[in-house]
């Protein structure tokens, strides 16, 4: 099989590295993540949700981000 070299920014590389499963190549990781998915497939998925439900989802995402950021700060402080 032929291969191609691509350039990705360091933040994208780090994201891929985190998503890589044990024993999985980067090619397999990318294939797994993009297989059968198109952005257009997502259009309208939440169109039947109320404004209140969407607001609740947004608040949940913000809370998850806050908890993740706090966790990362603790890891950095504790040297993990």
Protein backbone atom coordinates (compact mmCIF):
# COMPACT_ATOMS: atom_id res chain seq x y z
CA UNK A 1 0.00 0.00 0.00
CA UNK A 2 1.32 3.45 -0.83
CA UNK A 3 1.48 6.16 1.78
CA UNK A 4 1.28 9.95 1.76
CA UNK A 5 2.82 12.40 4.15
CA UNK A 6 0.54 15.11 5.50
CA UNK A 7 1.20 18.05 7.78
CA UNK A 8 -1.00 18.75 10.77
CA UNK A 9 -0.62 21.38 13.44
CA UNK A 10 0.69 20.26 16.81
CA UNK A 11 -2.71 20.66 18.47
CA UNK A 12 -4.32 18.38 15.86
CA UNK A 13 -1.52 15.83 16.32
CA UNK A 14 -2.11 15.87 20.09
CA UNK A 15 -5.86 15.39 19.59
CA UNK A 16 -5.25 12.43 17.30
CA UNK A 17 -2.74 10.97 19.73
CA UNK A 18 -5.33 11.15 22.54
CA UNK A 19 -7.96 9.47 20.35
CA UNK A 20 -5.63 6.70 19.22
CA UNK A 21 -6.51 3.31 20.67
CA UNK A 22 -3.85 0.98 22.05
CA UNK A 23 -2.04 -0.70 19.16
CA UNK A 24 -3.77 1.46 16.55
CA UNK A 25 -1.84 3.34 13.86
CA UNK A 26 -2.55 6.98 13.11
CA UNK A 27 -3.96 5.90 9.74
CA UNK A 28 -6.38 3.52 11.46
CA UNK A 29 -7.35 6.21 13.96
CA UNK A 30 -8.15 8.71 11.22
CA UNK A 31 -10.02 6.05 9.24
CA UNK A 32 -12.09 5.13 12.31
CA UNK A 33 -12.91 8.75 13.07
CA UNK A 34 -13.99 9.77 9.57
CA UNK A 35 -15.45 6.52 8.22
CA UNK A 36 -18.94 7.05 6.90
CA UNK A 37 -19.31 10.55 8.31
CA UNK A 38 -20.11 13.73 6.48
CA UNK A 39 -20.87 17.08 8.07
CA UNK A 40 -24.05 17.26 6.00
CA UNK A 41 -25.29 14.14 7.82
CA UNK A 42 -25.59 16.27 10.95
CA UNK A 43 -27.84 18.93 9.44
CA UNK A 44 -31.16 19.17 11.24
CA UNK A 45 -30.39 16.56 13.89
CA UNK A 46 -31.51 18.85 16.69
CA UNK A 47 -34.20 20.74 14.80
CA UNK A 48 -36.98 19.26 16.94
CA UNK A 49 -35.43 20.33 20.25
CA UNK A 50 -36.95 23.22 22.16
CA UNK A 51 -34.97 26.37 22.90
CA UNK A 52 -34.94 25.31 26.56
CA UNK A 53 -33.46 21.89 25.72
CA UNK A 54 -30.76 23.48 23.57
CA UNK A 55 -29.93 25.91 26.37
CA UNK A 56 -29.69 22.99 28.81
CA UNK A 57 -27.28 21.21 26.44
CA UNK A 58 -25.15 24.35 26.13
CA UNK A 59 -24.96 24.68 29.91
CA UNK A 60 -23.99 21.00 30.21
CA UNK A 61 -21.19 21.47 27.68
CA UNK A 62 -19.90 24.54 29.52
CA UNK A 63 -19.96 22.63 32.82
CA UNK A 64 -18.07 19.71 31.25
CA UNK A 65 -15.46 22.13 29.90
CA UNK A 66 -15.12 23.74 33.34
CA UNK A 67 -14.68 20.36 35.03
CA UNK A 68 -12.13 19.26 32.42
CA UNK A 69 -10.17 22.49 32.82
CA UNK A 70 -10.16 22.09 36.60
CA UNK A 71 -9.00 18.50 36.24
CA UNK A 72 -6.15 19.56 33.95
CA UNK A 73 -5.10 22.26 36.40
CA UNK A 74 -5.01 19.72 39.25
CA UNK A 75 -2.99 17.31 37.10
CA UNK A 76 -0.48 20.06 36.29
CA UNK A 77 -0.20 21.10 39.93
CA UNK A 78 0.29 17.49 41.05
CA UNK A 79 2.78 16.84 38.24
CA UNK A 80 0.67 14.29 36.36
